[in-house]
Amino acid sequence: PGKQRDVVATITRGGSTHYADSVKGRF
């Protein structure tokens, strides 16, 4: 609430992943 929509994690069709710093190691 009151904040912008931010990326959490993404994945390509081939399985390459990227994570927001705030969730690395947990998600």
mmCIF file of all heavy atoms, coordinates in Angstrom:
data_MODEL
# 
_entry.id   MODEL 
# 
loop_
_atom_site.group_PDB 
_atom_site.id 
_atom_site.type_symbol 
_atom_site.label_atom_id 
_atom_site.label_alt_id 
_atom_site.label_comp_id 
_atom_site.label_asym_id 
_atom_site.label_entity_id 
_atom_site.label_seq_id 
_atom_site.pdbx_PDB_ins_code 
_atom_site.Cartn_x 
_atom_site.Cartn_y 
_atom_site.Cartn_z 
_atom_site.occupancy 
_atom_site.B_iso_or_equiv 
_atom_site.pdbx_formal_charge 
_atom_site.auth_seq_id 
_atom_site.auth_comp_id 
_atom_site.auth_asym_id 
_atom_site.auth_atom_id 
_atom_site.pdbx_PDB_model_num 
ATOM 1   N N   . PRO A 1 1  ? 0.817  -1.218  0.000   1.00 0.00 ? 1  PRO A N   1 
ATOM 2   C CA  . PRO A 1 1  ? 0.000  0.000   0.000   1.00 0.00 ? 1  PRO A CA  1 
ATOM 3   C C   . PRO A 1 1  ? 0.849  1.265   0.000   1.00 0.00 ? 1  PRO A C   1 
ATOM 4   O O   . PRO A 1 1  ? 1.798  1.387   0.778   1.00 0.00 ? 1  PRO A O   1 
ATOM 5   C CB  . PRO A 1 1  ? -0.807 -0.119  1.293   1.00 0.00 ? 1  PRO A CB  1 
ATOM 6   C CG  . PRO A 1 1  ? -0.900 -1.588  1.533   1.00 0.00 ? 1  PRO A CG  1 
ATOM 7   C CD  . PRO A 1 1  ? 0.422  -2.138  1.082   1.00 0.00 ? 1  PRO A CD  1 
ATOM 8   N N   . GLY A 1 2  ? 0.521  2.192   -0.897  1.00 0.00 ? 2  GLY A N   1 
ATOM 9   C CA  . GLY A 1 2  ? 1.228  3.449   -0.975  1.00 0.00 ? 2  GLY A CA  1 
ATOM 10  C C   . GLY A 1 2  ? 2.575  3.401   -1.663  1.00 0.00 ? 2  GLY A C   1 
ATOM 11  O O   . GLY A 1 2  ? 3.278  4.419   -1.701  1.00 0.00 ? 2  GLY A O   1 
ATOM 12  N N   . LYS A 1 3  ? 2.950  2.253   -2.208  1.00 0.00 ? 3  LYS A N   1 
ATOM 13  C CA  . LYS A 1 3  ? 4.242  2.109   -2.861  1.00 0.00 ? 3  LYS A CA  1 
ATOM 14  C C   . LYS A 1 3  ? 4.075  1.620   -4.296  1.00 0.00 ? 3  LYS A C   1 
ATOM 15  O O   . LYS A 1 3  ? 3.025  1.121   -4.682  1.00 0.00 ? 3  LYS A O   1 
ATOM 16  C CB  . LYS A 1 3  ? 5.134  1.149   -2.074  1.00 0.00 ? 3  LYS A CB  1 
ATOM 17  C CG  . LYS A 1 3  ? 5.461  1.635   -0.672  1.00 0.00 ? 3  LYS A CG  1 
ATOM 18  C CD  . LYS A 1 3  ? 6.468  0.742   0.011   1.00 0.00 ? 3  LYS A CD  1 
ATOM 19  C CE  . LYS A 1 3  ? 6.835  1.283   1.376   1.00 0.00 ? 3  LYS A CE  1 
ATOM 20  N NZ  . LYS A 1 3  ? 7.836  0.421   2.056   1.00 0.00 ? 3  LYS A NZ  1 
ATOM 21  N N   . GLN A 1 4  ? 5.130  1.779   -5.076  1.00 0.00 ? 4  GLN A N   1 
ATOM 22  C CA  . GLN A 1 4  ? 5.088  1.355   -6.465  1.00 0.00 ? 4  GLN A CA  1 
ATOM 23  C C   . GLN A 1 4  ? 5.225  -0.157  -6.579  1.00 0.00 ? 4  GLN A C   1 
ATOM 24  O O   . GLN A 1 4  ? 5.665  -0.833  -5.645  1.00 0.00 ? 4  GLN A O   1 
ATOM 25  C CB  . GLN A 1 4  ? 6.193  2.045   -7.270  1.00 0.00 ? 4  GLN A CB  1 
ATOM 26  C CG  . GLN A 1 4  ? 7.594  1.579   -6.937  1.00 0.00 ? 4  GLN A CG  1 
ATOM 27  C CD  . GLN A 1 4  ? 8.643  2.275   -7.767  1.00 0.00 ? 4  GLN A CD  1 
ATOM 28  O OE1 . GLN A 1 4  ? 9.392  3.106   -7.276  1.00 0.00 ? 4  GLN A OE1 1 
ATOM 29  N NE2 . GLN A 1 4  ? 8.690  1.951   -9.054  1.00 0.00 ? 4  GLN A NE2 1 
ATOM 30  N N   . ARG A 1 5  ? 4.852  -0.672  -7.741  1.00 0.00 ? 5  ARG A N   1 
ATOM 31  C CA  . ARG A 1 5  ? 5.016  -2.084  -8.016  1.00 0.00 ? 5  ARG A CA  1 
ATOM 32  C C   . ARG A 1 5  ? 6.467  -2.368  -8.400  1.00 0.00 ? 5  ARG A C   1 
ATOM 33  O O   . ARG A 1 5  ? 7.000  -1.765  -9.329  1.00 0.00 ? 5  ARG A O   1 
ATOM 34  C CB  . ARG A 1 5  ? 4.071  -2.519  -9.138  1.00 0.00 ? 5  ARG A CB  1 
ATOM 35  C CG  . ARG A 1 5  ? 4.056  -4.010  -9.395  1.00 0.00 ? 5  ARG A CG  1 
ATOM 36  C CD  . ARG A 1 5  ? 3.021  -4.390  -10.454 1.00 0.00 ? 5  ARG A CD  1 
ATOM 37  N NE  . ARG A 1 5  ? 1.664  -4.032  -10.042 1.00 0.00 ? 5  ARG A NE  1 
ATOM 38  C CZ  . ARG A 1 5  ? 0.574  -4.324  -10.735 1.00 0.00 ? 5  ARG A CZ  1 
ATOM 39  N NH1 . ARG A 1 5  ? 0.663  -4.993  -11.872 1.00 0.00 ? 5  ARG A NH1 1 
ATOM 40  N NH2 . ARG A 1 5  ? -0.617 -3.945  -10.289 1.00 0.00 ? 5  ARG A NH2 1 
ATOM 41  N N   . ASP A 1 6  ? 7.106  -3.285  -7.683  1.00 0.00 ? 6  ASP A N   1 
ATOM 42  C CA  . ASP A 1 6  ? 8.512  -3.592  -7.887  1.00 0.00 ? 6  ASP A CA  1 
ATOM 43  C C   . ASP A 1 6  ? 8.701  -5.043  -8.301  1.00 0.00 ? 6  ASP A C   1 
ATOM 44  O O   . ASP A 1 6  ? 7.944  -5.927  -7.901  1.00 0.00 ? 6  ASP A O   1 
ATOM 45  C CB  . ASP A 1 6  ? 9.319  -3.347  -6.609  1.00 0.00 ? 6  ASP A CB  1 
ATOM 46  C CG  . ASP A 1 6  ? 9.388  -1.894  -6.217  1.00 0.00 ? 6  ASP A CG  1 
ATOM 47  O OD1 . ASP A 1 6  ? 9.420  -1.034  -7.108  1.00 0.00 ? 6  ASP A OD1 1 
ATOM 48  O OD2 . ASP A 1 6  ? 9.426  -1.611  -5.002  1.00 0.00 ? 6  ASP A OD2 1 
ATOM 49  N N   . VAL A 1 7  ? 9.754  -5.282  -9.075  1.00 0.00 ? 7  VAL A N   1 
ATOM 50  C CA  . VAL A 1 7  ? 10.074 -6.641  -9.474  1.00 0.00 ? 7  VAL A CA  1 
ATOM 51  C C   . VAL A 1 7  ? 10.613 -7.425  -8.283  1.00 0.00 ? 7  VAL A C   1 
ATOM 52  O O   . VAL A 1 7  ? 11.372 -6.900  -7.467  1.00 0.00 ? 7  VAL A O   1 
ATOM 53  C CB  . VAL A 1 7  ? 11.078 -6.647  -10.649 1.00 0.00 ? 7  VAL A CB  1 
ATOM 54  C CG1 . VAL A 1 7  ? 12.412 -6.046  -10.231 1.00 0.00 ? 7  VAL A CG1 1 
ATOM 55  C CG2 . VAL A 1 7  ? 11.255 -8.053  -11.196 1.00 0.00 ? 7  VAL A CG2 1 
ATOM 56  N N   . VAL A 1 8  ? 10.196 -8.668  -8.174  1.00 0.00 ? 8  VAL A N   1 
ATOM 57  C CA  . VAL A 1 8  ? 10.686 -9.577  -7.145  1.00 0.00 ? 8  VAL A CA  1 
ATOM 58  C C   . VAL A 1 8  ? 11.673 -10.567 -7.753  1.00 0.00 ? 8  VAL A C   1 
ATOM 59  O O   . VAL A 1 8  ? 12.787 -10.753 -7.247  1.00 0.00 ? 8  VAL A O   1 
ATOM 60  C CB  . VAL A 1 8  ? 9.532  -10.339 -6.471  1.00 0.00 ? 8  VAL A CB  1 
ATOM 61  C CG1 . VAL A 1 8  ? 10.063 -11.357 -5.467  1.00 0.00 ? 8  VAL A CG1 1 
ATOM 62  C CG2 . VAL A 1 8  ? 8.573  -9.363  -5.797  1.00 0.00 ? 8  VAL A CG2 1 
ATOM 63  N N   . ALA A 1 9  ? 11.267 -11.217 -8.832  1.00 0.00 ? 9  ALA A N   1 
ATOM 64  C CA  . ALA A 1 9  ? 12.100 -12.211 -9.490  1.00 0.00 ? 9  ALA A CA  1 
ATOM 65  C C   . ALA A 1 9  ? 11.615 -12.408 -10.917 1.00 0.00 ? 9  ALA A C   1 
ATOM 66  O O   . ALA A 1 9  ? 10.422 -12.281 -11.196 1.00 0.00 ? 9  ALA A O   1 
ATOM 67  C CB  . ALA A 1 9  ? 12.073 -13.543 -8.745  1.00 0.00 ? 9  ALA A CB  1 
ATOM 68  N N   . THR A 1 10 ? 12.539 -12.725 -11.813 1.00 0.00 ? 10 THR A N   1 
ATOM 69  C CA  . THR A 1 10 ? 12.194 -13.030 -13.194 1.00 0.00 ? 10 THR A CA  1 
ATOM 70  C C   . THR A 1 10 ? 12.914 -14.290 -13.638 1.00 0.00 ? 10 THR A C   1 
ATOM 71  O O   . THR A 1 10 ? 13.934 -14.678 -13.061 1.00 0.00 ? 10 THR A O   1 
ATOM 72  C CB  . THR A 1 10 ? 12.552 -11.883 -14.156 1.00 0.00 ? 10 THR A CB  1 
ATOM 73  O OG1 . THR A 1 10 ? 13.965 -11.657 -14.135 1.00 0.00 ? 10 THR A OG1 1 
ATOM 74  C CG2 . THR A 1 10 ? 11.821 -10.604 -13.779 1.00 0.00 ? 10 THR A CG2 1 
ATOM 75  N N   . ILE A 1 11 ? 12.368 -14.910 -14.688 1.00 0.00 ? 11 ILE A N   1 
ATOM 76  C CA  . ILE A 1 11 ? 12.974 -16.122 -15.233 1.00 0.00 ? 11 ILE A CA  1 
ATOM 77  C C   . ILE A 1 11 ? 12.733 -16.161 -16.737 1.00 0.00 ? 11 ILE A C   1 
ATOM 78  O O   . ILE A 1 11 ? 11.633 -15.898 -17.212 1.00 0.00 ? 11 ILE A O   1 
ATOM 79  C CB  . ILE A 1 11 ? 12.424 -17.384 -14.526 1.00 0.00 ? 11 ILE A CB  1 
ATOM 80  C CG1 . ILE A 1 11 ? 13.128 -18.647 -15.023 1.00 0.00 ? 11 ILE A CG1 1 
ATOM 81  C CG2 . ILE A 1 11 ? 10.910 -17.481 -14.686 1.00 0.00 ? 11 ILE A CG2 1 
ATOM 82  C CD1 . ILE A 1 11 ? 12.843 -19.875 -14.160 1.00 0.00 ? 11 ILE A CD1 1 
ATOM 83  N N   . THR A 1 12 ? 13.777 -16.464 -17.497 1.00 0.00 ? 12 THR A N   1 
ATOM 84  C CA  . THR A 1 12 ? 13.649 -16.594 -18.941 1.00 0.00 ? 12 THR A CA  1 
ATOM 85  C C   . THR A 1 12 ? 13.088 -17.958 -19.301 1.00 0.00 ? 12 THR A C   1 
ATOM 86  O O   . THR A 1 12 ? 12.973 -18.853 -18.461 1.00 0.00 ? 12 THR A O   1 
ATOM 87  C CB  . THR A 1 12 ? 15.004 -16.414 -19.632 1.00 0.00 ? 12 THR A CB  1 
ATOM 88  O OG1 . THR A 1 12 ? 15.849 -17.532 -19.317 1.00 0.00 ? 12 THR A OG1 1 
ATOM 89  C CG2 . THR A 1 12 ? 15.682 -15.122 -19.204 1.00 0.00 ? 12 THR A CG2 1 
ATOM 90  N N   . ARG A 1 13 ? 12.749 -18.129 -20.584 1.00 0.00 ? 13 ARG A N   1 
ATOM 91  C CA  . ARG A 1 13 ? 12.244 -19.415 -21.025 1.00 0.00 ? 13 ARG A CA  1 
ATOM 92  C C   . ARG A 1 13 ? 13.283 -20.512 -20.815 1.00 0.00 ? 13 ARG A C   1 
ATOM 93  O O   . ARG A 1 13 ? 12.924 -21.663 -20.545 1.00 0.00 ? 13 ARG A O   1 
ATOM 94  C CB  . ARG A 1 13 ? 11.837 -19.344 -22.499 1.00 0.00 ? 13 ARG A CB  1 
ATOM 95  C CG  . ARG A 1 13 ? 11.248 -20.640 -23.022 1.00 0.00 ? 13 ARG A CG  1 
ATOM 96  C CD  . ARG A 1 13 ? 10.625 -20.484 -24.399 1.00 0.00 ? 13 ARG A CD  1 
ATOM 97  N NE  . ARG A 1 13 ? 10.104 -21.754 -24.874 1.00 0.00 ? 13 ARG A NE  1 
ATOM 98  C CZ  . ARG A 1 13 ? 8.937  -22.271 -24.529 1.00 0.00 ? 13 ARG A CZ  1 
ATOM 99  N NH1 . ARG A 1 13 ? 8.140  -21.605 -23.694 1.00 0.00 ? 13 ARG A NH1 1 
ATOM 100 N NH2 . ARG A 1 13 ? 8.535  -23.441 -25.009 1.00 0.00 ? 13 ARG A NH2 1 
ATOM 101 N N   . GLY A 1 14 ? 14.557 -20.162 -20.920 1.00 0.00 ? 14 GLY A N   1 
ATOM 102 C CA  . GLY A 1 14 ? 15.622 -21.125 -20.730 1.00 0.00 ? 14 GLY A CA  1 
ATOM 103 C C   . GLY A 1 14 ? 16.017 -21.364 -19.291 1.00 0.00 ? 14 GLY A C   1 
ATOM 104 O O   . GLY A 1 14 ? 16.884 -22.209 -19.024 1.00 0.00 ? 14 GLY A O   1 
ATOM 105 N N   . GLY A 1 15 ? 15.423 -20.616 -18.339 1.00 0.00 ? 15 GLY A N   1 
ATOM 106 C CA  . GLY A 1 15 ? 15.666 -20.864 -16.932 1.00 0.00 ? 15 GLY A CA  1 
ATOM 107 C C   . GLY A 1 15 ? 16.644 -19.938 -16.241 1.00 0.00 ? 15 GLY A C   1 
ATOM 108 O O   . GLY A 1 15 ? 16.986 -20.172 -15.076 1.00 0.00 ? 15 GLY A O   1 
ATOM 109 N N   . SER A 1 16 ? 17.091 -18.884 -16.900 1.00 0.00 ? 16 SER A N   1 
ATOM 110 C CA  . SER A 1 16 ? 17.969 -17.907 -16.262 1.00 0.00 ? 16 SER A CA  1 
ATOM 111 C C   . SER A 1 16 ? 17.166 -17.029 -15.316 1.00 0.00 ? 16 SER A C   1 
ATOM 112 O O   . SER A 1 16 ? 16.131 -16.485 -15.699 1.00 0.00 ? 16 SER A O   1 
ATOM 113 C CB  . SER A 1 16 ? 18.659 -17.052 -17.316 1.00 0.00 ? 16 SER A CB  1 
ATOM 114 O OG  . SER A 1 16 ? 19.518 -16.106 -16.721 1.00 0.00 ? 16 SER A OG  1 
ATOM 115 N N   . THR A 1 17 ? 17.637 -16.878 -14.072 1.00 0.00 ? 17 THR A N   1 
ATOM 116 C CA  . THR A 1 17 ? 16.870 -16.179 -13.041 1.00 0.00 ? 17 THR A CA  1 
ATOM 117 C C   . THR A 1 17 ? 17.563 -14.918 -12.561 1.00 0.00 ? 17 THR A C   1 
ATOM 118 O O   . THR A 1 17 ? 18.796 -14.799 -12.600 1.00 0.00 ? 17 THR A O   1 
ATOM 119 C CB  . THR A 1 17 ? 16.610 -17.085 -11.836 1.00 0.00 ? 17 THR A CB  1 
ATOM 120 O OG1 . THR A 1 17 ? 17.868 -17.505 -11.282 1.00 0.00 ? 17 THR A OG1 1 
ATOM 121 C CG2 . THR A 1 17 ? 15.813 -18.313 -12.250 1.00 0.00 ? 17 THR A CG2 1 
ATOM 122 N N   . HIS A 1 18 ? 16.748 -13.962 -12.076 1.00 0.00 ? 18 HIS A N   1 
ATOM 123 C CA  . HIS A 1 18 ? 17.224 -12.728 -11.468 1.00 0.00 ? 18 HIS A CA  1 
ATOM 124 C C   . HIS A 1 18 ? 16.323 -12.401 -10.295 1.00 0.00 ? 18 HIS A C   1 
ATOM 125 O O   . HIS A 1 18 ? 15.113 -12.608 -10.354 1.00 0.00 ? 18 HIS A O   1 
ATOM 126 C CB  . HIS A 1 18 ? 17.223 -11.584 -12.480 1.00 0.00 ? 18 HIS A CB  1 
ATOM 127 C CG  . HIS A 1 18 ? 18.102 -11.836 -13.663 1.00 0.00 ? 18 HIS A CG  1 
ATOM 128 N ND1 . HIS A 1 18 ? 19.431 -11.476 -13.690 1.00 0.00 ? 18 HIS A ND1 1 
ATOM 129 C CD2 . HIS A 1 18 ? 17.842 -12.416 -14.856 1.00 0.00 ? 18 HIS A CD2 1 
ATOM 130 C CE1 . HIS A 1 18 ? 19.952 -11.827 -14.848 1.00 0.00 ? 18 HIS A CE1 1 
ATOM 131 N NE2 . HIS A 1 18 ? 19.004 -12.398 -15.573 1.00 0.00 ? 18 HIS A NE2 1 
ATOM 132 N N   . TYR A 1 19 ? 16.928 -11.862 -9.227  1.00 0.00 ? 19 TYR A N   1 
ATOM 133 C CA  . TYR A 1 19 ? 16.194 -11.570 -8.012  1.00 0.00 ? 19 TYR A CA  1 
ATOM 134 C C   . TYR A 1 19 ? 16.468 -10.164 -7.517  1.00 0.00 ? 19 TYR A C   1 
ATOM 135 O O   . TYR A 1 19 ? 17.581 -9.642  -7.659  1.00 0.00 ? 19 TYR A O   1 
ATOM 136 C CB  . TYR A 1 19 ? 16.578 -12.542 -6.897  1.00 0.00 ? 19 TYR A CB  1 
ATOM 137 C CG  . TYR A 1 19 ? 16.243 -13.981 -7.186  1.00 0.00 ? 19 TYR A CG  1 
ATOM 138 C CD1 . TYR A 1 19 ? 17.174 -14.820 -7.788  1.00 0.00 ? 19 TYR A CD1 1 
ATOM 139 C CD2 . TYR A 1 19 ? 15.002 -14.500 -6.850  1.00 0.00 ? 19 TYR A CD2 1 
ATOM 140 C CE1 . TYR A 1 19 ? 16.871 -16.143 -8.055  1.00 0.00 ? 19 TYR A CE1 1 
ATOM 141 C CE2 . TYR A 1 19 ? 14.692 -15.821 -7.113  1.00 0.00 ? 19 TYR A CE2 1 
ATOM 142 C CZ  . TYR A 1 19 ? 15.624 -16.644 -7.714  1.00 0.00 ? 19 TYR A CZ  1 
ATOM 143 O OH  . TYR A 1 19 ? 15.320 -17.957 -7.976  1.00 0.00 ? 19 TYR A OH  1 
ATOM 144 N N   . ALA A 1 20 ? 15.460 -9.562  -6.910  1.00 0.00 ? 20 ALA A N   1 
ATOM 145 C CA  . ALA A 1 20 ? 15.678 -8.327  -6.182  1.00 0.00 ? 20 ALA A CA  1 
ATOM 146 C C   . ALA A 1 20 ? 16.591 -8.603  -4.994  1.00 0.00 ? 20 ALA A C   1 
ATOM 147 O O   . ALA A 1 20 ? 16.543 -9.674  -4.391  1.00 0.00 ? 20 ALA A O   1 
ATOM 148 C CB  . ALA A 1 20 ? 14.346 -7.754  -5.695  1.00 0.00 ? 20 ALA A CB  1 
ATOM 149 N N   . ASP A 1 21 ? 17.439 -7.628  -4.647  1.00 0.00 ? 21 ASP A N   1 
ATOM 150 C CA  . ASP A 1 21 ? 18.370 -7.813  -3.538  1.00 0.00 ? 21 ASP A CA  1 
ATOM 151 C C   . ASP A 1 21 ? 17.653 -8.173  -2.234  1.00 0.00 ? 21 ASP A C   1 
ATOM 152 O O   . ASP A 1 21 ? 18.178 -8.944  -1.424  1.00 0.00 ? 21 ASP A O   1 
ATOM 153 C CB  . ASP A 1 21 ? 19.203 -6.554  -3.329  1.00 0.00 ? 21 ASP A CB  1 
ATOM 154 C CG  . ASP A 1 21 ? 20.234 -6.341  -4.417  1.00 0.00 ? 21 ASP A CG  1 
ATOM 155 O OD1 . ASP A 1 21 ? 20.555 -7.298  -5.145  1.00 0.00 ? 21 ASP A OD1 1 
ATOM 156 O OD2 . ASP A 1 21 ? 20.725 -5.198  -4.539  1.00 0.00 ? 21 ASP A OD2 1 
ATOM 157 N N   . SER A 1 22 ? 16.469 -7.642  -2.033  1.00 0.00 ? 22 SER A N   1 
ATOM 158 C CA  . SER A 1 22 ? 15.747 -7.841  -0.790  1.00 0.00 ? 22 SER A CA  1 
ATOM 159 C C   . SER A 1 22 ? 15.273 -9.278  -0.579  1.00 0.00 ? 22 SER A C   1 
ATOM 160 O O   . SER A 1 22 ? 14.938 -9.650  0.547   1.00 0.00 ? 22 SER A O   1 
ATOM 161 C CB  . SER A 1 22 ? 14.543 -6.898  -0.719  1.00 0.00 ? 22 SER A CB  1 
ATOM 162 O OG  . SER A 1 22 ? 13.669 -7.110  -1.810  1.00 0.00 ? 22 SER A OG  1 
ATOM 163 N N   . VAL A 1 23 ? 15.245 -10.085 -1.641  1.00 0.00 ? 23 VAL A N   1 
ATOM 164 C CA  . VAL A 1 23 ? 14.746 -11.454 -1.519  1.00 0.00 ? 23 VAL A CA  1 
ATOM 165 C C   . VAL A 1 23 ? 15.787 -12.511 -1.839  1.00 0.00 ? 23 VAL A C   1 
ATOM 166 O O   . VAL A 1 23 ? 15.512 -13.710 -1.705  1.00 0.00 ? 23 VAL A O   1 
ATOM 167 C CB  . VAL A 1 23 ? 13.495 -11.688 -2.396  1.00 0.00 ? 23 VAL A CB  1 
ATOM 168 C CG1 . VAL A 1 23 ? 12.435 -10.634 -2.103  1.00 0.00 ? 23 VAL A CG1 1 
ATOM 169 C CG2 . VAL A 1 23 ? 13.858 -11.700 -3.877  1.00 0.00 ? 23 VAL A CG2 1 
ATOM 170 N N   . LYS A 1 24 ? 16.975 -12.103 -2.240  1.00 0.00 ? 24 LYS A N   1 
ATOM 171 C CA  . LYS A 1 24 ? 18.028 -13.065 -2.574  1.00 0.00 ? 24 LYS A CA  1 
ATOM 172 C C   . LYS A 1 24 ? 18.337 -13.971 -1.386  1.00 0.00 ? 24 LYS A C   1 
ATOM 173 O O   . LYS A 1 24 ? 18.476 -13.512 -0.254  1.00 0.00 ? 24 LYS A O   1 
ATOM 174 C CB  . LYS A 1 24 ? 19.294 -12.344 -3.022  1.00 0.00 ? 24 LYS A CB  1 
ATOM 175 C CG  . LYS A 1 24 ? 19.220 -11.775 -4.421  1.00 0.00 ? 24 LYS A CG  1 
ATOM 176 C CD  . LYS A 1 24 ? 20.528 -11.098 -4.812  1.00 0.00 ? 24 LYS A CD  1 
ATOM 177 C CE  . LYS A 1 24 ? 20.450 -10.556 -6.224  1.00 0.00 ? 24 LYS A CE  1 
ATOM 178 N NZ  . LYS A 1 24 ? 21.677 -9.818  -6.606  1.00 0.00 ? 24 LYS A NZ  1 
ATOM 179 N N   . GLY A 1 25 ? 18.436 -15.251 -1.664  1.00 0.00 ? 25 GLY A N   1 
ATOM 180 C CA  . GLY A 1 25 ? 18.714 -16.225 -0.625  1.00 0.00 ? 25 GLY A CA  1 
ATOM 181 C C   . GLY A 1 25 ? 17.488 -16.727 0.098   1.00 0.00 ? 25 GLY A C   1 
ATOM 182 O O   . GLY A 1 25 ? 17.585 -17.688 0.875   1.00 0.00 ? 25 GLY A O   1 
ATOM 183 N N   . ARG A 1 26 ? 16.339 -16.092 -0.128  1.00 0.00 ? 26 ARG A N   1 
ATOM 184 C CA  . ARG A 1 26 ? 15.106 -16.484 0.543   1.00 0.00 ? 26 ARG A CA  1 
ATOM 185 C C   . ARG A 1 26 ? 14.037 -16.978 -0.423  1.00 0.00 ? 26 ARG A C   1 
ATOM 186 O O   . ARG A 1 26 ? 13.257 -17.868 -0.079  1.00 0.00 ? 26 ARG A O   1 
ATOM 187 C CB  . ARG A 1 26 ? 14.540 -15.321 1.363   1.00 0.00 ? 26 ARG A CB  1 
ATOM 188 C CG  . ARG A 1 26 ? 15.482 -14.826 2.456   1.00 0.00 ? 26 ARG A CG  1 
ATOM 189 C CD  . ARG A 1 26 ? 14.788 -13.806 3.362   1.00 0.00 ? 26 ARG A CD  1 
ATOM 190 N NE  . ARG A 1 26 ? 14.376 -12.611 2.632   1.00 0.00 ? 26 ARG A NE  1 
ATOM 191 C CZ  . ARG A 1 26 ? 13.112 -12.185 2.535   1.00 0.00 ? 26 ARG A CZ  1 
ATOM 192 N NH1 . ARG A 1 26 ? 12.135 -12.858 3.141   1.00 0.00 ? 26 ARG A NH1 1 
ATOM 193 N NH2 . ARG A 1 26 ? 12.826 -11.078 1.854   1.00 0.00 ? 26 ARG A NH2 1 
ATOM 194 N N   . PHE A 1 27 ? 13.974 -16.390 -1.620  1.00 0.00 ? 27 PHE A N   1 
ATOM 195 C CA  . PHE A 1 27 ? 12.953 -16.740 -2.609  1.00 0.00 ? 27 PHE A CA  1 
ATOM 196 C C   . PHE A 1 27 ? 13.589 -17.495 -3.770  1.00 0.00 ? 27 PHE A C   1 
ATOM 197 O O   . PHE A 1 27 ? 14.751 -17.246 -4.127  1.00 0.00 ? 27 PHE A O   1 
ATOM 198 C CB  . PHE A 1 27 ? 12.275 -15.491 -3.169  1.00 0.00 ? 27 PHE A CB  1 
ATOM 199 C CG  . PHE A 1 27 ? 11.395 -14.746 -2.200  1.00 0.00 ? 27 PHE A CG  1 
ATOM 200 C CD1 . PHE A 1 27 ? 11.368 -15.049 -0.848  1.00 0.00 ? 27 PHE A CD1 1 
ATOM 201 C CD2 . PHE A 1 27 ? 10.586 -13.719 -2.670  1.00 0.00 ? 27 PHE A CD2 1 
ATOM 202 C CE1 . PHE A 1 27 ? 10.552 -14.348 0.037   1.00 0.00 ? 27 PHE A CE1 1 
ATOM 203 C CE2 . PHE A 1 27 ? 9.765  -13.009 -1.799  1.00 0.00 ? 27 PHE A CE2 1 
ATOM 204 C CZ  . PHE A 1 27 ? 9.750  -13.323 -0.445  1.00 0.00 ? 27 PHE A CZ  1 
# 
